[in-house]
C-alpha atoms as a PDB file:
ATOM      1  CA  MET A   1       0.000   0.000   0.000  1.00  0.00           C
ATOM      2  CA  SER A   2       1.372   3.441  -0.900  1.00  0.00           C
ATOM      3  CA  GLN A   3       1.931   6.118   1.756  1.00  0.00           C
ATOM      4  CA  ALA A   4      -0.860   8.173   0.161  1.00  0.00           C
ATOM      5  CA  ALA A   5      -3.319   5.288   0.407  1.00  0.00           C
ATOM      6  CA  ALA A   6      -2.259   4.521   3.972  1.00  0.00           C
ATOM      7  CA  ALA A   7      -2.829   8.155   4.965  1.00  0.00           C
ATOM      8  CA  LYS A   8      -6.435   8.138   3.859  1.00  0.00           C
ATOM      9  CA  ALA A   9      -9.165   8.230   6.466  1.00  0.00           C
ATOM     10  CA  GLU A  10     -11.878   5.649   6.073  1.00  0.00           C
ATOM     11  CA  ILE A  11     -15.478   6.938   5.988  1.00  0.00           C
ATOM     12  CA  ALA A  12     -16.884  10.218   4.723  1.00  0.00           C
ATOM     13  CA  VAL A  13     -20.621  10.959   4.702  1.00  0.00           C
ATOM     14  CA  ILE A  14     -21.929  13.509   2.200  1.00  0.00           C
ATOM     15  CA  PHE A  15     -25.288  15.286   2.404  1.00  0.00           C
ATOM     16  CA  ALA A  16     -26.724  17.471  -0.359  1.00  0.00           C
ATOM     17  CA  THR A  17     -29.420  19.644   1.198  1.00  0.00           C
ATOM     18  CA  ARG A  18     -31.846  22.360   0.213  1.00  0.00           C
ATOM     19  CA  GLY A  19     -34.666  23.981   2.153  1.00  0.00           C
ATOM     20  CA  ARG A  20     -34.352  21.765   5.260  1.00  0.00           C
ATOM     21  CA  PRO A  21     -31.848  23.406   7.630  1.00  0.00           C
ATOM     22  CA  ALA A  22     -33.284  22.001  10.857  1.00  0.00           C
ATOM     23  CA  LEU A  23     -33.702  18.505   9.448  1.00  0.00           C
ATOM     24  CA  VAL A  24     -30.196  18.186   8.017  1.00  0.00           C
ATOM     25  CA  ALA A  25     -28.752  19.482  11.300  1.00  0.00           C
ATOM     26  CA  GLU A  26     -30.689  16.794  13.186  1.00  0.00           C
ATOM     27  CA  MET A  27     -29.621  14.058  10.772  1.00  0.00           C
ATOM     28  CA  ALA A  28     -25.976  15.112  11.086  1.00  0.00           C
ATOM     29  CA  ARG A  29     -26.288  15.096  14.886  1.00  0.00           C
ATOM     30  CA  ARG A  30     -27.784  11.605  14.845  1.00  0.00           C
ATOM     31  CA  LEU A  31     -24.741  10.247  13.024  1.00  0.00           C
ATOM     32  CA  ASP A  32     -22.994  10.507  16.383  1.00  0.00           C
ATOM     33  CA  GLY A  33     -25.092   7.507  17.435  1.00  0.00           C
ATOM     34  CA  GLN A  34     -23.590   5.228  14.781  1.00  0.00           C
ATOM     35  CA  THR A  35     -21.771   2.203  16.186  1.00  0.00           C
ATOM     36  CA  ARG A  36     -18.948   3.094  13.801  1.00  0.00           C
ATOM     37  CA  LYS A  37     -18.855   6.878  13.426  1.00  0.00           C
ATOM     38  CA  ALA A  38     -17.968   8.668  10.218  1.00  0.00           C
ATOM     39  CA  ASP A  39     -14.492  10.156  10.118  1.00  0.00           C
ATOM     40  CA  HIS A  40     -15.896  13.286   8.496  1.00  0.00           C
ATOM     41  CA  VAL A  41     -19.261  14.676   7.410  1.00  0.00           C
ATOM     42  CA  PHE A  42     -19.613  17.018   4.423  1.00  0.00           C
ATOM     43  CA  ILE A  43     -22.839  19.005   4.065  1.00  0.00           C
ATOM     44  CA  VAL A  44     -23.381  20.931   0.845  1.00  0.00           C
ATOM     45  CA  GLY A  45     -26.247  23.419   0.810  1.00  0.00           C
ATOM     46  CA  ALA A  46     -27.677  25.403  -2.080  1.00  0.00           C
ATOM     47  CA  GLY A  47     -27.642  28.597   0.015  1.00  0.00           C
ATOM     48  CA  GLU A  48     -26.456  29.974   3.337  1.00  0.00           C
ATOM     49  CA  ASP A  49     -29.825  29.281   4.971  1.00  0.00           C
ATOM     50  CA  ASP A  50     -29.421  25.560   4.273  1.00  0.00           C
ATOM     51  CA  ILE A  51     -26.407  25.250   6.557  1.00  0.00           C
ATOM     52  CA  ALA A  52     -27.285  27.942   9.100  1.00  0.00           C
ATOM     53  CA  ALA A  53     -28.401  25.486  11.820  1.00  0.00           C
ATOM     54  CA  LEU A  54     -25.213  23.395  11.703  1.00  0.00           C
ATOM     55  CA  PRO A  55     -22.549  23.647  14.414  1.00  0.00           C
ATOM     56  CA  LYS A  56     -19.604  25.858  13.526  1.00  0.00           C
ATOM     57  CA  ASP A  57     -17.075  24.296  15.917  1.00  0.00           C
ATOM     58  CA  ARG A  58     -16.905  20.639  14.869  1.00  0.00           C
ATOM     59  CA  ALA A  59     -13.605  19.565  13.389  1.00  0.00           C
ATOM     60  CA  ASP A  60     -15.238  16.498  11.818  1.00  0.00           C
ATOM     61  CA  LEU A  61     -17.919  18.462   9.952  1.00  0.00           C
ATOM     62  CA  THR A  62     -17.532  20.667   6.893  1.00  0.00           C
ATOM     63  CA  ALA A  63     -20.535  22.720   5.774  1.00  0.00           C
ATOM     64  CA  LEU A  64     -20.423  24.815   2.627  1.00  0.00           C
ATOM     65  CA  VAL A  65     -22.600  26.422   0.000  1.00  0.00           C
ATOM     66  CA  GLY A  66     -22.264  24.688  -3.345  1.00  0.00           C
ATOM     67  CA  ARG A  67     -24.141  24.885  -6.594  1.00  0.00           C
ATOM     68  CA  THR A  68     -27.898  24.324  -6.754  1.00  0.00           C
ATOM     69  CA  GLY A  69     -29.103  20.859  -7.717  1.00  0.00           C
ATOM     70  CA  THR A  70     -28.704  17.396  -6.242  1.00  0.00           C
ATOM     71  CA  ALA A  71     -26.157  16.184  -8.811  1.00  0.00           C
ATOM     72  CA  LEU A  72     -24.145  19.397  -8.585  1.00  0.00           C
ATOM     73  CA  GLN A  73     -24.125  19.453  -4.787  1.00  0.00           C
ATOM     74  CA  ARG A  74     -23.158  15.784  -4.562  1.00  0.00           C
ATOM     75  CA  ASN A  75     -20.307  16.414  -6.948  1.00  0.00           C
ATOM     76  CA  ASP A  76     -19.173  19.409  -4.898  1.00  0.00           C
ATOM     77  CA  GLY A  77     -19.031  17.154  -1.835  1.00  0.00           C
ATOM     78  CA  LEU A  78     -17.352  14.385  -3.806  1.00  0.00           C
ATOM     79  CA  ARG A  79     -14.564  16.686  -4.921  1.00  0.00           C
ATOM     80  CA  LEU A  80     -13.770  17.473  -1.296  1.00  0.00           C
ATOM     81  CA  ALA A  81     -13.846  13.885  -0.067  1.00  0.00           C
ATOM     82  CA  GLU A  82     -12.736  11.505  -2.810  1.00  0.00           C
ATOM     83  CA  ASP A  83      -8.964  11.861  -2.410  1.00  0.00           C
ATOM     84  CA  ALA A  84      -8.976  11.689   1.381  1.00  0.00           C
ATOM     85  CA  PHE A  85     -11.337   8.809   2.241  1.00  0.00           C
ATOM     86  CA  ARG A  86     -11.640   5.164   1.259  1.00  0.00           C
ATOM     87  CA  LEU A  87     -15.432   4.846   1.565  1.00  0.00           C
ATOM     88  CA  LEU A  88     -17.875   7.537   0.457  1.00  0.00           C
ATOM     89  CA  VAL A  89     -21.461   7.506   1.740  1.00  0.00           C
ATOM     90  CA  PHE A  90     -24.321   9.607   0.385  1.00  0.00           C
ATOM     91  CA  PHE A  91     -27.386  10.111   2.569  1.00  0.00           C
ATOM     92  CA  ASP A  92     -30.386  12.252   1.716  1.00  0.00           C
ATOM     93  CA  ASP A  93     -31.070  14.886   4.332  1.00  0.00           C
ATOM     94  CA  ASP A  94     -34.348  13.092   5.113  1.00  0.00           C
ATOM     95  CA  PHE A  95     -32.967   9.558   5.437  1.00  0.00           C
ATOM     96  CA  LEU A  96     -32.631   8.026   8.895  1.00  0.00           C
ATOM     97  CA  PRO A  97     -30.151   5.124   8.850  1.00  0.00           C
ATOM     98  CA  SER A  98     -29.841   2.228  11.249  1.00  0.00           C
ATOM     99  CA  ARG A  99     -27.281   2.944  13.956  1.00  0.00           C
ATOM    100  CA  PHE A 100     -25.357  -0.025  12.496  1.00  0.00           C
ATOM    101  CA  TRP A 101     -25.383   1.355   8.919  1.00  0.00           C
ATOM    102  CA  LEU A 102     -21.791   2.593   8.733  1.00  0.00           C
ATOM    103  CA  GLU A 103     -20.390  -0.360  10.679  1.00  0.00           C
ATOM    104  CA  HIS A 104     -22.135  -2.911   8.467  1.00  0.00           C
ATOM    105  CA  MET A 105     -21.264  -1.017   5.294  1.00  0.00           C
ATOM    106  CA  ARG A 106     -17.581  -0.984   6.217  1.00  0.00           C
ATOM    107  CA  ALA A 107     -17.666  -4.714   6.978  1.00  0.00           C
ATOM    108  CA  LEU A 108     -19.283  -5.512   3.620  1.00  0.00           C
ATOM    109  CA  PHE A 109     -16.641  -3.618   1.656  1.00  0.00           C
ATOM    110  CA  SER A 110     -13.838  -5.171   3.717  1.00  0.00           C
ATOM    111  CA  ALA A 111     -15.148  -8.688   3.205  1.00  0.00           C
ATOM    112  CA  ASP A 112     -15.474  -8.499  -0.583  1.00  0.00           C
ATOM    113  CA  PRO A 113     -13.053  -6.387  -2.687  1.00  0.00           C
ATOM    114  CA  SER A 114     -15.216  -6.960  -5.783  1.00  0.00           C
ATOM    115  CA  ILE A 115     -18.013  -4.789  -4.365  1.00  0.00           C
ATOM    116  CA  ALA A 116     -17.862  -1.262  -5.770  1.00  0.00           C
ATOM    117  CA  GLY A 117     -21.114   0.120  -4.390  1.00  0.00           C
ATOM    118  CA  LEU A 118     -23.882  -0.604  -1.907  1.00  0.00           C
ATOM    119  CA  THR A 119     -27.372   0.574  -1.135  1.00  0.00           C
ATOM    120  CA  GLY A 120     -29.640  -0.403   1.722  1.00  0.00           C
ATOM    121  CA  MET A 121     -33.130  -1.667   2.439  1.00  0.00           C
ATOM    122  CA  VAL A 122     -35.732   1.087   2.889  1.00  0.00           C
ATOM    123  CA  LEU A 123     -38.080   0.017   5.677  1.00  0.00           C
ATOM    124  CA  ALA A 124     -40.578   2.743   4.823  1.00  0.00           C
ATOM    125  CA  ASP A 125     -40.481   5.374   2.093  1.00  0.00           C
ATOM    126  CA  GLY A 126     -42.393   8.603   2.496  1.00  0.00           C
ATOM    127  CA  ALA A 127     -41.427   9.796  -0.983  1.00  0.00           C
ATOM    128  CA  GLY A 128     -44.609   8.334  -2.478  1.00  0.00           C
ATOM    129  CA  THR A 129     -46.879   9.274   0.432  1.00  0.00           C
ATOM    130  CA  ALA A 130     -47.619  12.343   2.503  1.00  0.00           C
ATOM    131  CA  GLY A 131     -44.284  11.714   4.219  1.00  0.00           C
ATOM    132  CA  LEU A 132     -43.181  10.294   7.564  1.00  0.00           C
ATOM    133  CA  ASP A 133     -42.325  12.290  10.654  1.00  0.00           C
ATOM    134  CA  LEU A 134     -39.036  11.838  12.445  1.00  0.00           C
ATOM    135  CA  ALA A 135     -40.592  10.209  15.522  1.00  0.00           C
ATOM    136  CA  GLU A 136     -42.267   7.556  13.378  1.00  0.00           C
ATOM    137  CA  ALA A 137     -39.073   6.913  11.440  1.00  0.00           C
ATOM    138  CA  THR A 138     -37.066   6.665  14.659  1.00  0.00           C
ATOM    139  CA  ALA A 139     -39.431   4.032  16.049  1.00  0.00           C
ATOM    140  CA  LEU A 140     -39.311   1.975  12.845  1.00  0.00           C
ATOM    141  CA  VAL A 141     -35.523   1.995  12.685  1.00  0.00           C
ATOM    142  CA  ALA A 142     -35.123   1.240  16.400  1.00  0.00           C
ATOM    143  CA  ALA A 143     -37.484  -1.733  16.142  1.00  0.00           C
ATOM    144  CA  ARG A 144     -35.501  -3.181  13.220  1.00  0.00           C
ATOM    145  CA  ASP A 145     -32.206  -2.533  14.994  1.00  0.00           C
ATOM    146  CA  HIS A 146     -33.375  -4.744  17.861  1.00  0.00           C
ATOM    147  CA  GLU A 147     -34.373  -7.674  15.649  1.00  0.00           C
ATOM    148  CA  PRO A 148     -32.048 -10.622  14.971  1.00  0.00           C
ATOM    149  CA  ALA A 149     -29.683  -9.986  12.077  1.00  0.00           C
ATOM    150  CA  GLY A 150     -31.209 -12.650   9.822  1.00  0.00           C
ATOM    151  CA  SER A 151     -29.575 -14.099   6.723  1.00  0.00           C
ATOM    152  CA  ALA A 152     -27.403 -11.840   4.584  1.00  0.00           C
ATOM    153  CA  ALA A 153     -28.495 -11.100   1.028  1.00  0.00           C
ATOM    154  CA  PHE A 154     -26.918  -9.038  -1.745  1.00  0.00           C
ATOM    155  CA  ASP A 155     -29.301  -8.190  -4.593  1.00  0.00           C
ATOM    156  CA  GLU A 156     -27.336  -7.072  -7.655  1.00  0.00           C
ATOM    157  CA  THR A 157     -30.506  -6.323  -9.633  1.00  0.00           C
ATOM    158  CA  TYR A 158     -31.269  -3.349  -7.391  1.00  0.00           C
ATOM    159  CA  GLY A 159     -29.758   0.023  -6.661  1.00  0.00           C
ATOM    160  CA  PRO A 160     -28.316   2.321  -5.881  1.00  0.00           C
ATOM    161  CA  TYR A 161     -31.175   4.272  -4.316  1.00  0.00           C
ATOM    162  CA  GLY A 162     -30.002   7.853  -3.875  1.00  0.00           C
ATOM    163  CA  CYS A 163     -31.282   8.342  -0.333  1.00  0.00           C
ATOM    164  CA  ASN A 164     -28.696   5.848   0.994  1.00  0.00           C
ATOM    165  CA  MET A 165     -25.719   4.634  -0.990  1.00  0.00           C
ATOM    166  CA  ALA A 166     -22.019   4.023  -0.449  1.00  0.00           C
ATOM    167  CA  PHE A 167     -19.083   3.595  -2.800  1.00  0.00           C
ATOM    168  CA  ARG A 168     -15.496   2.463  -2.677  1.00  0.00           C
ATOM    169  CA  ALA A 169     -13.484   5.585  -3.544  1.00  0.00           C
ATOM    170  CA  THR A 170     -11.107   3.701  -5.840  1.00  0.00           C
ATOM    171  CA  ALA A 171     -14.081   2.294  -7.787  1.00  0.00           C
ATOM    172  CA  ILE A 172     -15.596   5.693  -8.553  1.00  0.00           C
ATOM    173  CA  ALA A 173     -12.334   7.541  -9.201  1.00  0.00           C
ATOM    174  CA  GLY A 174     -13.015  10.194 -11.828  1.00  0.00           C
ATOM    175  CA  MET A 175     -16.772   9.525 -11.880  1.00  0.00           C
ATOM    176  CA  ARG A 176     -19.322  12.276 -11.316  1.00  0.00           C
ATOM    177  CA  PHE A 177     -23.081  12.491 -11.098  1.00  0.00           C
ATOM    178  CA  ASP A 178     -24.414  13.744 -14.425  1.00  0.00           C
ATOM    179  CA  GLU A 179     -24.643  17.525 -14.142  1.00  0.00           C
ATOM    180  CA  ARG A 180     -27.050  17.777 -17.059  1.00  0.00           C
ATOM    181  CA  LEU A 181     -29.728  16.410 -14.711  1.00  0.00           C
ATOM    182  CA  PRO A 182     -30.930  19.608 -13.037  1.00  0.00           C
ATOM    183  CA  LEU A 183     -32.559  20.421  -9.704  1.00  0.00           C
ATOM    184  CA  TYR A 184     -33.846  17.213  -8.050  1.00  0.00           C
ATOM    185  CA  ALA A 185     -31.750  15.281 -10.644  1.00  0.00           C
ATOM    186  CA  TRP A 186     -34.337  12.566 -11.274  1.00  0.00           C
ATOM    187  CA  LEU A 187     -32.608   9.201 -11.989  1.00  0.00           C
ATOM    188  CA  GLU A 188     -29.076  10.428 -11.244  1.00  0.00           C
ATOM    189  CA  ASP A 189     -28.628   7.450  -8.914  1.00  0.00           C
ATOM    190  CA  ALA A 190     -29.673   4.926 -11.564  1.00  0.00           C
ATOM    191  CA  ASP A 191     -27.316   6.498 -14.103  1.00  0.00           C
ATOM    192  CA  PHE A 192     -24.398   6.514 -11.649  1.00  0.00           C
ATOM    193  CA  GLY A 193     -25.047   2.901 -10.696  1.00  0.00           C
ATOM    194  CA  ALA A 194     -25.232   1.763 -14.310  1.00  0.00           C
ATOM    195  CA  ARG A 195     -21.839   3.299 -15.039  1.00  0.00           C
ATOM    196  CA  LEU A 196     -20.373   1.914 -11.823  1.00  0.00           C
ATOM    197  CA  ARG A 197     -21.373  -1.651 -12.762  1.00  0.00           C
ATOM    198  CA  LEU A 198     -18.788  -1.462 -15.531  1.00  0.00           C
ATOM    199  CA  ARG A 199     -16.155  -1.230 -12.778  1.00  0.00           C
ATOM    200  CA  GLY A 200     -17.406  -3.589 -10.085  1.00  0.00           C
ATOM    201  CA  ARG A 201     -20.363  -5.134  -8.295  1.00  0.00           C
ATOM    202  CA  MET A 202     -23.264  -2.981  -7.156  1.00  0.00           C
ATOM    203  CA  GLY A 203     -26.270  -4.107  -5.141  1.00  0.00           C
ATOM    204  CA  ARG A 204     -28.662  -3.789  -2.220  1.00  0.00           C
ATOM    205  CA  ALA A 205     -27.451  -5.335   1.031  1.00  0.00           C
ATOM    206  CA  SER A 206     -29.931  -6.691   3.563  1.00  0.00           C
ATOM    207  CA  GLN A 207     -27.486  -5.776   6.353  1.00  0.00           C
ATOM    208  CA  LEU A 208     -28.165  -2.069   5.714  1.00  0.00           C
ATOM    209  CA  TRP A 209     -31.524  -0.436   6.420  1.00  0.00           C
ATOM    210  CA  GLY A 210     -33.219   2.820   7.265  1.00  0.00           C
ATOM    211  CA  VAL A 211     -36.279   4.991   6.671  1.00  0.00           C
ATOM    212  CA  HIS A 212     -36.725   7.657   4.002  1.00  0.00           C
ATOM    213  CA  LEU A 213     -38.963  10.361   5.442  1.00  0.00           C
ATOM    214  CA  GLY A 214     -39.888  11.845   2.069  1.00  0.00           C
ATOM    215  CA  ALA A 215     -39.959  15.398   3.451  1.00  0.00           C
ATOM    216  CA  LYS A 216     -41.956  17.672   1.154  1.00  0.00           C
ATOM    217  CA  ASN A 217     -40.250  20.984   1.872  1.00  0.00           C
ATOM    218  CA  GLY A 218     -37.337  21.587  -0.460  1.00  0.00           C
ATOM    219  CA  ARG A 219     -38.815  19.460  -3.261  1.00  0.00           C
ATOM    220  CA  GLU A 220     -39.342  20.734  -6.778  1.00  0.00           C
ATOM    221  CA  ARG A 221     -42.686  21.980  -8.021  1.00  0.00           C
ATOM    222  CA  GLY A 222     -44.853  19.555  -9.945  1.00  0.00           C
ATOM    223  CA  ARG A 223     -44.248  20.897 -13.432  1.00  0.00           C
ATOM    224  CA  ARG A 224     -40.472  20.746 -13.125  1.00  0.00           C
ATOM    225  CA  LEU A 225     -40.482  17.262 -11.631  1.00  0.00           C
ATOM    226  CA  GLY A 226     -42.971  16.053 -14.242  1.00  0.00           C
ATOM    227  CA  TYR A 227     -40.720  17.327 -17.023  1.00  0.00           C
ATOM    228  CA  SER A 228     -37.724  15.563 -15.474  1.00  0.00           C
ATOM    229  CA  GLN A 229     -39.653  12.289 -15.131  1.00  0.00           C
ATOM    230  CA  ILE A 230     -39.779  12.088 -18.925  1.00  0.00           C
ATOM    231  CA  ALA A 231     -36.842  14.155 -20.175  1.00  0.00           C
ATOM    232  CA  ASN A 232     -34.236  12.644 -17.832  1.00  0.00           C
ATOM    233  CA  ALA A 233     -35.283   9.096 -18.693  1.00  0.00           C
ATOM    234  CA  LEU A 234     -35.139   9.796 -22.435  1.00  0.00           C
ATOM    235  CA  TYR A 235     -31.790  11.569 -22.108  1.00  0.00           C
ATOM    236  CA  LEU A 236     -30.195   8.730 -20.134  1.00  0.00           C
ATOM    237  CA  THR A 237     -31.530   6.179 -22.610  1.00  0.00           C
ATOM    238  CA  ARG A 238     -30.046   8.126 -25.500  1.00  0.00           C
ATOM    239  CA  LYS A 239     -26.813   8.461 -23.507  1.00  0.00           C
ATOM    240  CA  GLY A 240     -26.701   4.672 -23.189  1.00  0.00           C
ATOM    241  CA  SER A 241     -26.410   4.350 -19.423  1.00  0.00           C
ATOM    242  CA  LEU A 242     -30.015   3.135 -19.101  1.00  0.00           C
ATOM    243  CA  GLY A 243     -31.856   0.840 -21.478  1.00  0.00           C
ATOM    244  CA  TRP A 244     -35.417   0.976 -22.774  1.00  0.00           C
ATOM    245  CA  ARG A 245     -36.333  -2.062 -20.661  1.00  0.00           C
ATOM    246  CA  PHE A 246     -35.786   0.129 -17.613  1.00  0.00           C
ATOM    247  CA  THR A 247     -36.906   3.549 -18.811  1.00  0.00           C
ATOM    248  CA  ALA A 248     -39.967   2.706 -20.939  1.00  0.00           C
ATOM    249  CA  PRO A 249     -41.975   1.092 -18.092  1.00  0.00           C
ATOM    250  CA  LEU A 250     -40.881   3.870 -15.733  1.00  0.00           C
ATOM    251  CA  VAL A 251     -42.004   6.612 -18.119  1.00  0.00           C
ATOM    252  CA  LEU A 252     -45.316   4.883 -18.752  1.00  0.00           C
ATOM    253  CA  ARG A 253     -45.951   4.333 -15.027  1.00  0.00           C
ATOM    254  CA  ASN A 254     -45.312   7.965 -14.168  1.00  0.00           C
ATOM    255  CA  LEU A 255     -47.398   9.249 -17.059  1.00  0.00           C
ATOM    256  CA  ALA A 256     -50.265   6.886 -16.243  1.00  0.00           C
ATOM    257  CA  ALA A 257     -50.188   7.744 -12.524  1.00  0.00           C
ATOM    258  CA  ASN A 258     -50.236  11.478 -13.175  1.00  0.00           C
ATOM    259  CA  LEU A 259     -52.999  11.151 -15.776  1.00  0.00           C
ATOM    260  CA  TRP A 260     -55.123   8.901 -13.554  1.00  0.00           C
ATOM    261  CA  ARG A 261     -54.794  11.014 -10.411  1.00  0.00           C
ATOM    262  CA  ALA A 262     -54.914  14.484 -11.995  1.00  0.00           C
ATOM    263  CA  PRO A 263     -58.734  14.845 -11.691  1.00  0.00           C
ATOM    264  CA  ALA A 264     -58.593  14.128  -7.930  1.00  0.00           C
ATOM    265  CA  PRO A 265     -54.962  14.506  -6.837  1.00  0.00           C
ATOM    266  CA  GLU A 266     -53.500  13.640  -3.470  1.00  0.00           C
ATOM    267  CA  ALA A 267     -53.032  16.619  -1.175  1.00  0.00           C
ATOM    268  CA  HIS A 268     -49.259  16.112  -1.076  1.00  0.00           C
ATOM    269  CA  ILE A 269     -48.646  15.696  -4.842  1.00  0.00           C
ATOM    270  CA  ASP A 270     -49.145  18.258  -7.607  1.00  0.00           C
ATOM    271  CA  ARG A 271     -50.421  15.708 -10.104  1.00  0.00           C
ATOM    272  CA  ARG A 272     -51.689  18.299 -12.567  1.00  0.00           C
ATOM    273  CA  GLY A 273     -48.352  20.076 -12.550  1.00  0.00           C
ATOM    274  CA  ARG A 274     -46.521  16.784 -13.031  1.00  0.00           C
ATOM    275  CA  LEU A 275     -48.828  15.802 -15.879  1.00  0.00           C
ATOM    276  CA  LEU A 276     -48.257  19.128 -17.612  1.00  0.00           C
ATOM    277  CA  GLY A 277     -44.523  18.669 -17.206  1.00  0.00           C
ATOM    278  CA  ASN A 278     -44.795  15.135 -18.645  1.00  0.00           C
ATOM    279  CA  LEU A 279     -46.664  16.438 -21.685  1.00  0.00           C
ATOM    280  CA  LEU A 280     -44.217  19.282 -22.265  1.00  0.00           C
ATOM    281  CA  ALA A 281     -41.302  16.830 -22.219  1.00  0.00           C
ATOM    282  CA  LEU A 282     -43.074  14.491 -24.633  1.00  0.00           C
ATOM    283  CA  ARG A 283     -43.818  17.427 -26.939  1.00  0.00           C
ATOM    284  CA  ASP A 284     -40.140  18.393 -26.912  1.00  0.00           C
ATOM    285  CA  PHE A 285     -39.130  14.790 -27.593  1.00  0.00           C
ATOM    286  CA  LEU A 286     -41.451  14.601 -30.607  1.00  0.00           C
ATOM    287  CA  CYS A 287     -39.796  17.804 -31.835  1.00  0.00           C
ATOM    288  CA  GLY A 288     -36.383  16.146 -31.536  1.00  0.00           C
ATOM    289  CA  ILE A 289     -35.408  17.912 -28.315  1.00  0.00           C
ATOM    290  CA  VAL A 290     -34.006  15.901 -25.403  1.00  0.00           C
ATOM    291  CA  GLU A 291     -32.614  18.465 -22.968  1.00  0.00           C
ATOM    292  CA  PRO A 292     -33.121  17.805 -19.237  1.00  0.00           C
ATOM    293  CA  GLU A 293     -31.963  21.353 -18.447  1.00  0.00           C
ATOM    294  CA  ARG A 294     -35.209  22.765 -19.861  1.00  0.00           C
ATOM    295  CA  ALA A 295     -36.894  21.849 -16.555  1.00  0.00           C
ATOM    296  CA  ILE A 296     -35.125  24.812 -14.943  1.00  0.00           C
ATOM    297  CA  ARG A 297     -37.085  27.275 -17.089  1.00  0.00           C
ATOM    298  CA  LEU A 298     -40.504  25.910 -16.138  1.00  0.00           C
END
């Protein structure tokens, strides 16, 4: 092992956050309860308000204002961490991991050098519902943490899921999240995982789990997200990182769900805005335009 490699710390956790200053501060604080703590935490906000609630005196925490957009902010954090840490973890600012998450993740990478990336089991996902509160998520994770470990499973047909994913730094050297995917960066995790599979094994590990709150503040408006649901999928298919077998059913499901629910939408989802965004992206596609960045102008 070279002196440079030996000098590297082990685990860095990176958060990209926007519009949730209190929540990201709480999630960063809760990392102190991990059975194997992170060596450093990087929090990249889109503005000063995003990092205002974070402590200013922690040597193991770096908070900064980066560019706006999930892919951009993750890349800003990645640039800071990739040369100094062996294992890079990305958590959403509304993901509550098991207190064993980092310990188990480290053990999985140590046990199998062929693994390039990992994602975990999501016990409950508020992204598709009205969302989960932190107390509910805490109870769910604590209950699972107290259960017997069970048999280990590694599902290579799944992941990564952006709310909780980890990568071996050497495996993703030079890789970046696609910066043409703007704002919420719909499907940036699937694209990154598809490219990573050319370098090593990627999958969902049963030894990792947590709850995704699906917080609604900080999320994009319906029209922008609806545009990205179509445009990002078409762009990544044309790029070659995702195939039609993956993107076609996904596009059809999103379009059908937005069309079906638009007359009587859920209180927590702007179905009509999403449907309009879907239709605008399809119109652009029929005109020969596949540009994810157009979502920014909606």
